[in-house]
């Protein structure tokens, strides 16, 4: 009997010594307070908190009340932590599972599960169909920081731009164009440069996070805007990459005021990296301004963060490089082949002919890219440098609604070959834009080709 009593007393003492099981939000909130999680810099990164420049009190950069669970969550980390833990226990929503707080704030959920040791027995996992499908489609394995060079025709990109490419599992150099990107930019509505710059400088545009295939961005930056692109592969693990994507999901539906010089594309990209790897805090290196080229240097300066660098030259860069290798007479012959006045066989069989053919091929493909093939491409008419050099191109905007490929003018006695006309315009613009010719020479050359080809056509 005494043995049984002693055993019972020992079991009671052992049970009393065990920590209380956290079965609800109240217990978890108490534990979070004891661990001072509200003061953890990682929690500040998840909520986009920054010290106010004057008062130095924390406030979130998010300008959307839907980003917070507490009424004062934009400036009270502790209240937001308590409210978030409480809302994660909301009942299931079978009719709209993606609206559940666990699906709305997956990065916070992941971090809190890790720090508080919350198992699915303590906090049952809710299904998030849209998030799960998006994550499966991207199939993340790593991250590459992408830097397109400056683009003087857009005030927002005068100092370059940065975005992230999410490299997929099993990705190769041949398939990297199929990877997805995370891009942050101003959702602009102004059509003129002055209004665009003014609103961007005063935070009147909302910032928008978007995801698209990498080949779309390469075509936009490298081919259409003739911007060189540098790719910086980062050593983020798969787990860190997935956390980055969870946070991108959280802020994707959140409004942030976009400011050209600080809360811009580059700063938001740095904030994503900070969330992916707690303690990195590379964004804190730029307390006043976040110029894209400077932020790239800041990332490169972090020991061990960048593992490889790849350069992707723009179409204009390649074209100018090939042009620099040709003497004037050889370039003139290559241009004659490109515009159809001579056959490729006319270049002969000398080794130089190969370079001439490559130059001619690149010239034709660049012109087709700039003007979009059969019908005019709107992108070229948003290029202030081209429009200032060729103001008559503005008149072509009026024809967008009528552009349906080749057309025969109403009073023409012969068919009007619109493809040839667009080729002449596109080649002239590209020659001037890539500095193969001066604007005056390109314009004169376009006029010469037009007169030769259409002088017999009565329009």
Protein backbone atom coordinates (compact mmCIF):
# COMPACT_ATOMS: atom_id res chain seq x y z
CA UNK A 1 0.00 0.00 0.00
CA UNK A 2 2.78 2.42 0.87
CA UNK A 3 4.42 1.58 -2.48
CA UNK A 4 1.23 2.56 -4.35
CA UNK A 5 0.92 5.78 -2.37
CA UNK A 6 4.55 6.70 -3.08
CA UNK A 7 4.06 5.94 -6.80
CA UNK A 8 0.92 8.10 -6.90
CA UNK A 9 2.68 11.00 -5.20
CA UNK A 10 5.59 10.74 -7.62
CA UNK A 11 3.24 10.84 -10.61
CA UNK A 12 1.47 13.91 -9.22
CA UNK A 13 4.75 15.71 -8.68
CA UNK A 14 5.92 14.81 -12.19
CA UNK A 15 2.69 16.06 -13.72
CA UNK A 16 2.96 19.31 -11.79
CA UNK A 17 6.50 19.80 -13.05
CA UNK A 18 5.45 19.49 -16.71
CA UNK A 19 4.73 22.76 -18.56
CA UNK A 20 1.10 23.51 -19.14
CA UNK A 21 -0.09 22.54 -22.61
CA UNK A 22 -1.05 25.48 -24.77
CA UNK A 23 -4.54 24.55 -25.91
CA UNK A 24 -5.85 27.94 -26.95
CA UNK A 25 -4.92 31.45 -28.04
CA UNK A 26 -4.78 32.72 -24.44
CA UNK A 27 -2.01 30.30 -23.49
CA UNK A 28 -0.11 31.06 -26.69
CA UNK A 29 -0.44 34.80 -26.16
CA UNK A 30 0.99 34.45 -22.65
CA UNK A 31 3.88 32.39 -23.94
CA UNK A 32 4.55 34.90 -26.74
CA UNK A 33 4.70 37.68 -24.15
CA UNK A 34 7.11 35.70 -22.01
CA UNK A 35 9.35 35.21 -25.06
CA UNK A 36 8.96 38.90 -25.99
CA UNK A 37 8.10 37.95 -29.57
CA UNK A 38 6.49 41.35 -30.19
CA UNK A 39 9.96 42.89 -29.84
CA UNK A 40 11.60 40.40 -32.21
CA UNK A 41 12.94 42.14 -35.36
CA UNK A 42 11.52 39.28 -37.42
CA UNK A 43 8.00 40.21 -36.27
CA UNK A 44 8.70 43.83 -37.23
CA UNK A 45 9.76 42.66 -40.70
CA UNK A 46 6.59 40.61 -41.12
CA UNK A 47 4.46 43.65 -40.27
CA UNK A 48 6.62 46.01 -42.36
CA UNK A 49 7.37 48.13 -39.27
CA UNK A 50 9.86 50.99 -39.54
CA UNK A 51 10.77 53.72 -37.03
CA UNK A 52 9.12 57.04 -37.84
CA UNK A 53 11.80 59.44 -39.13
CA UNK A 54 10.87 62.08 -36.51
CA UNK A 55 9.38 60.33 -33.47
CA UNK A 56 11.33 57.04 -33.99
CA UNK A 57 8.22 55.15 -32.92
CA UNK A 58 7.40 52.05 -34.90
CA UNK A 59 4.76 52.31 -37.59
CA UNK A 60 3.98 50.04 -40.51
CA UNK A 61 4.66 51.01 -44.10
CA UNK A 62 1.43 49.23 -45.08
CA UNK A 63 -1.34 51.72 -45.86
CA UNK A 64 -4.17 49.19 -45.77
CA UNK A 65 -6.19 48.34 -42.62
CA UNK A 66 -6.80 44.85 -44.00
CA UNK A 67 -3.14 44.06 -43.35
CA UNK A 68 -3.71 44.18 -39.59
CA UNK A 69 -5.77 42.16 -37.13
CA UNK A 70 -5.77 44.70 -34.28
CA UNK A 71 -7.38 48.16 -34.55
CA UNK A 72 -4.03 49.75 -33.69
CA UNK A 73 -1.94 47.06 -35.35
CA UNK A 74 -0.25 49.57 -37.64
CA UNK A 75 1.68 50.97 -34.69
CA UNK A 76 1.35 48.43 -31.85
CA UNK A 77 3.36 45.21 -32.43
CA UNK A 78 2.20 43.59 -29.18
CA UNK A 79 -1.50 44.20 -29.86
CA UNK A 80 -1.10 42.92 -33.40
CA UNK A 81 0.62 39.76 -32.16
CA UNK A 82 -2.17 39.01 -29.70
CA UNK A 83 -4.86 39.69 -32.28
CA UNK A 84 -3.12 37.56 -34.91
CA UNK A 85 -2.85 34.57 -32.57
CA UNK A 86 -6.53 34.89 -31.70
CA UNK A 87 -7.65 35.10 -35.35
CA UNK A 88 -5.59 32.09 -36.39
CA UNK A 89 -8.05 30.04 -34.29
CA UNK A 90 -11.08 31.31 -36.24
CA UNK A 91 -13.54 28.57 -37.24
CA UNK A 92 -13.08 26.89 -40.60
CA UNK A 93 -14.72 28.54 -43.61
CA UNK A 94 -15.69 25.73 -45.98
CA UNK A 95 -17.53 28.09 -48.32
CA UNK A 96 -14.56 30.46 -48.64
CA UNK A 97 -11.45 28.76 -47.25
CA UNK A 98 -9.00 31.22 -48.78
CA UNK A 99 -10.40 34.06 -46.67
CA UNK A 100 -9.37 32.36 -43.42
CA UNK A 101 -6.65 34.28 -41.51
CA UNK A 102 -4.32 31.28 -41.82
CA UNK A 103 -4.55 31.67 -45.62
CA UNK A 104 -4.43 35.47 -45.55
CA UNK A 105 -1.29 35.58 -43.36
CA UNK A 106 0.68 32.39 -44.10
CA UNK A 107 4.12 33.91 -43.38
CA UNK A 108 3.04 35.06 -39.90
CA UNK A 109 1.46 31.66 -39.28
CA UNK A 110 4.66 29.85 -40.27
CA UNK A 111 6.84 32.07 -38.09
CA UNK A 112 4.55 31.77 -35.06
CA UNK A 113 4.30 27.99 -35.42
CA UNK A 114 8.10 27.81 -35.45
CA UNK A 115 8.70 30.18 -32.51
CA UNK A 116 5.88 28.85 -30.30
CA UNK A 117 6.16 25.20 -31.26
CA UNK A 118 2.53 25.05 -32.36
CA UNK A 119 1.65 21.66 -33.80
CA UNK A 120 -1.42 20.93 -35.91
CA UNK A 121 -2.90 19.33 -32.78
CA UNK A 122 -2.74 22.70 -31.04
CA UNK A 123 -3.74 24.75 -34.08
CA UNK A 124 -5.41 22.68 -36.83
CA UNK A 125 -4.24 23.67 -40.31
CA UNK A 126 -6.88 25.19 -42.58
CA UNK A 127 -6.99 24.41 -46.31
CA UNK A 128 -5.81 27.25 -48.57
CA UNK A 129 -6.54 26.10 -52.16
CA UNK A 130 -5.38 29.24 -54.00
CA UNK A 131 -2.16 29.63 -52.02
CA UNK A 132 -1.34 25.94 -52.35
CA UNK A 133 -1.97 25.94 -56.11
CA UNK A 134 0.16 29.08 -56.58
CA UNK A 135 3.03 27.62 -54.56
CA UNK A 136 2.84 24.33 -56.45
CA UNK A 137 2.88 26.13 -59.81
CA UNK A 138 6.02 28.08 -58.89
CA UNK A 139 7.68 25.00 -57.31
CA UNK A 140 10.31 27.15 -55.57
CA UNK A 141 13.89 26.12 -54.93
CA UNK A 142 15.86 29.39 -54.81
CA UNK A 143 15.94 33.12 -55.55
CA UNK A 144 17.79 35.32 -58.04
CA UNK A 145 17.91 39.10 -57.75
CA UNK A 146 17.43 40.68 -61.19
CA UNK A 147 18.65 44.19 -62.02
CA UNK A 148 17.62 45.80 -65.33
CA UNK A 149 19.74 48.87 -66.03
CA UNK A 150 18.46 52.45 -66.09
CA UNK A 151 15.71 53.44 -68.52
CA UNK A 152 15.72 57.19 -69.10
CA UNK A 153 12.31 57.20 -70.78
CA UNK A 154 10.53 56.27 -67.55
CA UNK A 155 10.94 58.46 -64.44
CA UNK A 156 10.38 55.42 -62.22
CA UNK A 157 13.28 53.53 -63.83
CA UNK A 158 15.83 56.30 -64.34
CA UNK A 159 18.07 54.63 -61.74
CA UNK A 160 17.35 51.04 -62.73
CA UNK A 161 14.94 48.52 -61.27
CA UNK A 162 15.09 45.33 -59.21
CA UNK A 163 12.86 42.27 -59.05
CA UNK A 164 13.16 38.67 -57.94
CA UNK A 165 13.16 35.52 -60.03
CA UNK A 166 11.96 32.45 -58.15
CA UNK A 167 14.05 29.57 -59.46
CA UNK A 168 12.19 26.28 -59.70
CA UNK A 169 13.17 22.79 -58.59
CA UNK A 170 15.24 21.16 -61.33
CA UNK A 171 15.64 24.42 -63.24
CA UNK A 172 18.41 24.60 -65.83
CA UNK A 173 19.94 27.45 -67.82
CA UNK A 174 17.70 26.43 -70.71
CA UNK A 175 14.51 26.63 -68.61
CA UNK A 176 15.21 29.64 -66.39
CA UNK A 177 13.11 31.89 -68.67
CA UNK A 178 10.09 29.84 -67.57
CA UNK A 179 10.59 30.69 -63.89
CA UNK A 180 8.24 33.13 -62.18
CA UNK A 181 9.14 36.60 -60.95
CA UNK A 182 8.08 38.76 -58.02
CA UNK A 183 7.91 42.38 -59.11
CA UNK A 184 6.87 45.52 -57.22
CA UNK A 185 5.95 48.67 -59.11
CA UNK A 186 3.71 51.73 -58.99
CA UNK A 187 0.22 51.23 -60.35
CA UNK A 188 0.33 54.38 -62.44
CA UNK A 189 -2.50 56.08 -64.31
CA UNK A 190 -0.76 59.18 -65.68
CA UNK A 191 0.13 59.25 -69.38
CA UNK A 192 2.62 62.14 -69.32
CA UNK A 193 6.01 62.09 -67.66
CA UNK A 194 5.48 65.16 -65.48
CA UNK A 195 2.34 63.88 -63.75
CA UNK A 196 3.90 60.44 -63.34
CA UNK A 197 7.01 61.88 -61.68
CA UNK A 198 5.02 64.27 -59.47
CA UNK A 199 2.72 61.57 -58.13
CA UNK A 200 5.60 59.17 -57.65
CA UNK A 201 7.57 61.71 -55.65
CA UNK A 202 4.61 62.45 -53.38
CA UNK A 203 3.42 58.89 -52.75
CA UNK A 204 0.14 59.26 -54.65
CA UNK A 205 0.45 55.94 -56.47
CA UNK A 206 -0.32 52.58 -54.88
CA UNK A 207 2.46 50.01 -55.07
CA UNK A 208 1.49 46.70 -56.63
CA UNK A 209 3.17 43.33 -56.21
CA UNK A 210 2.80 41.05 -59.21
CA UNK A 211 4.03 37.69 -60.44
CA UNK A 212 4.68 36.81 -64.10
CA UNK A 213 6.95 34.48 -66.10
CA UNK A 214 10.53 35.64 -66.42
CA UNK A 215 10.49 35.54 -70.22
CA UNK A 216 7.80 38.26 -70.18
CA UNK A 217 10.06 40.55 -68.15
CA UNK A 218 13.10 39.77 -70.32
CA UNK A 219 11.15 40.70 -73.44
CA UNK A 220 9.98 43.91 -71.79
CA UNK A 221 13.32 45.02 -70.39
CA UNK A 222 15.92 43.57 -72.74
CA UNK A 223 14.10 43.49 -76.07
CA UNK A 224 11.52 46.27 -75.93
CA UNK A 225 13.36 48.80 -73.77
CA UNK A 226 16.91 47.77 -74.71
CA UNK A 227 18.01 47.49 -71.07
CA UNK A 228 20.91 45.28 -70.01
CA UNK A 229 20.00 42.81 -67.27
CA UNK A 230 22.17 41.42 -64.47
CA UNK A 231 21.13 38.33 -62.51
CA UNK A 232 22.47 37.74 -58.97
CA UNK A 233 21.83 34.25 -57.69
CA UNK A 234 21.28 34.23 -53.91
CA UNK A 235 22.05 31.42 -51.50
CA UNK A 236 18.57 31.31 -49.96
CA UNK A 237 17.42 27.79 -49.12
CA UNK A 238 14.19 26.26 -50.34
CA UNK A 239 12.61 26.82 -46.91
CA UNK A 240 13.65 30.48 -46.94
CA UNK A 241 12.35 30.88 -50.48
CA UNK A 242 8.98 29.47 -49.49
CA UNK A 243 8.77 31.90 -46.57
CA UNK A 244 9.57 34.75 -48.96
CA UNK A 245 6.69 33.65 -51.17
CA UNK A 246 4.34 33.39 -48.19
CA UNK A 247 5.08 37.00 -47.33
CA UNK A 248 4.71 38.04 -50.97
CA UNK A 249 1.26 36.46 -50.83
CA UNK A 250 0.42 38.50 -47.73
CA UNK A 251 1.43 41.85 -49.18
CA UNK A 252 0.13 41.12 -52.68
CA UNK A 253 -3.38 42.21 -51.68
CA UNK A 254 -2.17 45.12 -49.54
CA UNK A 255 -1.91 48.76 -50.49
CA UNK A 256 1.44 50.47 -49.97
CA UNK A 257 2.00 54.07 -51.04
CA UNK A 258 4.75 54.07 -53.65
CA UNK A 259 7.56 56.61 -53.28
CA UNK A 260 10.23 56.81 -55.98
CA UNK A 261 13.21 57.35 -53.70
CA UNK A 262 12.55 55.24 -50.61
CA UNK A 263 9.45 53.00 -50.49
CA UNK A 264 10.02 51.81 -54.04
CA UNK A 265 10.60 48.60 -55.96
CA UNK A 266 14.06 47.98 -54.54
CA UNK A 267 13.12 48.65 -50.94
CA UNK A 268 10.20 46.23 -51.06
CA UNK A 269 12.44 43.57 -52.59
CA UNK A 270 14.90 44.02 -49.73
CA UNK A 271 12.06 43.71 -47.22
CA UNK A 272 11.09 40.38 -48.78
CA UNK A 273 14.65 39.13 -48.39
CA UNK A 274 14.64 40.22 -44.74
CA UNK A 275 11.54 38.13 -44.07
CA UNK A 276 13.00 35.13 -45.90
CA UNK A 277 16.08 35.12 -43.68
CA UNK A 278 15.47 36.62 -40.21
CA UNK A 279 18.46 38.62 -39.09
CA UNK A 280 19.55 39.59 -42.61
CA UNK A 281 17.96 43.06 -42.35
CA UNK A 282 19.62 44.30 -45.54
CA UNK A 283 16.85 46.91 -45.91
CA UNK A 284 18.17 48.69 -42.80
CA UNK A 285 21.24 49.69 -44.78
CA UNK A 286 19.06 52.21 -46.62
CA UNK A 287 17.26 54.36 -44.03
CA UNK A 288 16.75 57.38 -46.29
CA UNK A 289 16.77 56.37 -49.94
CA UNK A 290 16.75 53.06 -51.82
CA UNK A 291 18.27 53.69 -55.25
CA UNK A 292 18.14 50.36 -57.15
CA UNK A 293 21.80 50.25 -58.14
CA UNK A 294 22.81 51.03 -54.53
CA UNK A 295 20.56 48.31 -53.14
CA UNK A 296 22.16 45.79 -55.50
CA UNK A 297 25.56 46.80 -54.16
CA UNK A 298 24.18 46.39 -50.64
CA UNK A 299 23.07 42.83 -51.40
CA UNK A 300 26.40 41.98 -53.02
CA UNK A 301 28.23 43.33 -49.98
CA UNK A 302 26.53 40.83 -47.65
CA UNK A 303 29.14 38.08 -47.20
CA UNK A 304 28.11 34.86 -48.93
CA UNK A 305 24.67 36.05 -50.01
CA UNK A 306 25.42 36.20 -53.77
CA UNK A 307 26.72 32.95 -55.24
CA UNK A 308 26.75 33.70 -58.98
CA UNK A 309 26.33 36.65 -61.38
CA UNK A 310 25.03 36.42 -64.98
CA UNK A 311 24.91 39.23 -67.54
CA UNK A 312 22.14 39.32 -70.16
CA UNK A 313 22.88 42.01 -72.77
CA UNK A 314 19.99 43.92 -74.33
CA UNK A 315 19.21 43.66 -78.01
CA UNK A 316 20.56 47.16 -78.56
CA UNK A 317 23.77 46.31 -76.72
CA UNK A 318 24.32 43.23 -78.87
CA UNK A 319 23.53 45.22 -82.01
CA UNK A 320 25.95 48.02 -81.10
CA UNK A 321 28.65 45.47 -80.27
CA UNK A 322 28.25 43.73 -83.61
CA UNK A 323 28.24 47.09 -85.40
CA UNK A 324 31.50 48.11 -83.71
CA UNK A 325 33.21 45.07 -85.24
CA UNK A 326 32.25 45.95 -88.82
CA UNK A 327 34.03 48.53 -90.98
CA UNK A 328 31.73 51.12 -92.58
CA UNK A 329 31.53 49.46 -96.00
CA UNK A 330 30.82 46.04 -94.47
CA UNK A 331 28.07 47.55 -92.28
CA UNK A 332 26.48 49.24 -95.28
CA UNK A 333 26.44 45.91 -97.11
CA UNK A 334 24.91 44.15 -94.10
CA UNK A 335 22.20 46.83 -93.82
CA UNK A 336 21.42 46.36 -97.52
CA UNK A 337 20.87 42.66 -96.86
CA UNK A 338 18.73 43.40 -93.79
CA UNK A 339 16.36 45.69 -95.70
CA UNK A 340 16.13 43.34 -98.71
CA UNK A 341 18.06 45.39 -101.28
CA UNK A 342 20.74 42.73 -101.52
CA UNK A 343 20.76 38.96 -101.08
CA UNK A 344 22.82 37.23 -98.38
CA UNK A 345 24.88 35.62 -101.13
CA UNK A 346 26.10 39.06 -102.15
CA UNK A 347 28.22 39.19 -98.98
CA UNK A 348 30.46 36.42 -100.29
CA UNK A 349 32.09 33.65 -98.29
CA UNK A 350 34.80 35.51 -96.39
CA UNK A 351 34.84 35.14 -92.57
CA UNK A 352 33.59 38.72 -92.29
CA UNK A 353 30.42 37.70 -94.11
CA UNK A 354 29.35 35.62 -91.09
CA UNK A 355 29.52 38.66 -88.85
CA UNK A 356 27.66 40.69 -91.47
CA UNK A 357 24.88 38.09 -91.64
CA UNK A 358 24.62 37.96 -87.84
CA UNK A 359 24.42 41.75 -87.72
CA UNK A 360 21.73 41.80 -90.45
CA UNK A 361 19.73 39.10 -88.68
CA UNK A 362 19.90 40.96 -85.36
CA UNK A 363 18.95 44.20 -87.06
CA UNK A 364 15.81 42.72 -88.61
CA UNK A 365 14.77 40.91 -85.42
CA UNK A 366 15.31 44.07 -83.35
CA UNK A 367 13.15 46.14 -85.68
CA UNK A 368 10.42 43.50 -85.64
CA UNK A 369 10.54 43.35 -81.84
CA UNK A 370 10.33 47.11 -81.43
CA UNK A 371 7.33 47.53 -83.68
CA UNK A 372 5.68 44.21 -82.97
CA UNK A 373 5.61 42.65 -86.45
CA UNK A 374 2.54 43.26 -88.59
CA UNK A 375 0.84 45.98 -86.57
CA UNK A 376 2.57 48.80 -84.62
CA UNK A 377 3.57 47.95 -81.06
CA UNK A 378 2.30 50.45 -78.50
CA UNK A 379 5.47 50.15 -76.44
CA UNK A 380 7.53 52.06 -78.99
CA UNK A 381 5.11 54.99 -78.82
CA UNK A 382 5.61 55.28 -75.06
CA UNK A 383 9.31 55.87 -75.59
CA UNK A 384 9.90 59.60 -75.06
CA UNK A 385 13.35 59.48 -76.66
CA UNK A 386 12.00 57.98 -79.87
CA UNK A 387 9.04 60.36 -80.01
CA UNK A 388 11.27 63.37 -79.49
CA UNK A 389 13.49 62.24 -82.34
CA UNK A 390 10.64 61.16 -84.62
CA UNK A 391 7.59 63.27 -83.69
CA UNK A 392 5.77 62.10 -86.81
CA UNK A 393 5.46 58.64 -85.20
CA UNK A 394 2.83 60.15 -82.88
CA UNK A 395 0.48 60.29 -85.85
CA UNK A 396 0.54 56.51 -86.08
CA UNK A 397 -1.34 56.25 -82.77
CA UNK A 398 -4.50 57.30 -84.59
CA UNK A 399 -4.23 54.18 -86.71
CA UNK A 400 -4.26 51.61 -83.89
CA UNK A 401 -7.98 51.05 -84.19
CA UNK A 402 -7.62 50.34 -87.91
CA UNK A 403 -4.52 48.17 -87.73
CA UNK A 404 -5.44 44.72 -89.08
CA UNK A 405 -2.28 43.72 -90.97
CA UNK A 406 -1.79 44.61 -94.63
CA UNK A 407 -4.36 46.97 -96.09
CA UNK A 408 -5.05 48.44 -99.51
CA UNK A 409 -5.81 52.18 -99.28
CA UNK A 410 -9.13 53.19 -100.73
CA UNK A 411 -7.66 55.21 -103.62
CA UNK A 412 -4.55 53.14 -104.26
CA UNK A 413 -3.85 51.78 -107.71
CA UNK A 414 -1.50 49.16 -106.28
CA UNK A 415 -1.49 47.17 -103.02
CA UNK A 416 0.19 48.98 -100.14
CA UNK A 417 2.65 46.67 -98.40
CA UNK A 418 2.24 47.71 -94.76
CA UNK A 419 4.77 45.14 -93.55
CA UNK A 420 7.51 46.73 -95.66
CA UNK A 421 6.47 50.18 -94.45
CA UNK A 422 6.66 49.09 -90.81
CA UNK A 423 10.00 47.42 -91.44
CA UNK A 424 11.43 50.69 -92.77
CA UNK A 425 10.14 52.65 -89.76
CA UNK A 426 11.20 50.03 -87.25
CA UNK A 427 14.68 49.71 -88.68
CA UNK A 428 15.22 53.47 -88.68
CA UNK A 429 14.03 53.83 -85.10
CA UNK A 430 16.14 50.92 -83.92
CA UNK A 431 19.24 52.22 -85.75
CA UNK A 432 18.89 55.57 -83.99
CA UNK A 433 17.91 54.13 -80.61
CA UNK A 434 20.85 51.70 -80.53
CA UNK A 435 23.19 54.45 -81.88
CA UNK A 436 24.11 52.51 -85.00
CA UNK A 437 23.18 55.72 -86.87
CA UNK A 438 22.60 59.28 -85.81
CA UNK A 439 18.90 60.24 -85.68
CA UNK A 440 19.35 62.47 -88.74
CA UNK A 441 21.02 59.70 -90.76
CA UNK A 442 18.38 57.17 -89.70
CA UNK A 443 15.58 59.53 -90.72
CA UNK A 444 17.18 60.27 -94.08
CA UNK A 445 17.80 56.60 -94.67
CA UNK A 446 14.18 55.76 -93.88
CA UNK A 447 12.99 58.44 -96.29
CA UNK A 448 15.30 57.08 -99.02
CA UNK A 449 14.01 53.53 -98.59
CA UNK A 450 10.42 54.75 -98.56
CA UNK A 451 10.89 56.72 -101.78
CA UNK A 452 12.53 53.76 -103.50
CA UNK A 453 9.86 51.27 -102.51
CA UNK A 454 6.67 53.34 -102.64
CA UNK A 455 7.38 55.97 -105.31
CA UNK A 456 5.27 54.03 -107.78
CA UNK A 457 2.32 53.70 -105.41
CA UNK A 458 -0.45 56.27 -105.62
CA UNK A 459 -1.79 56.77 -102.09
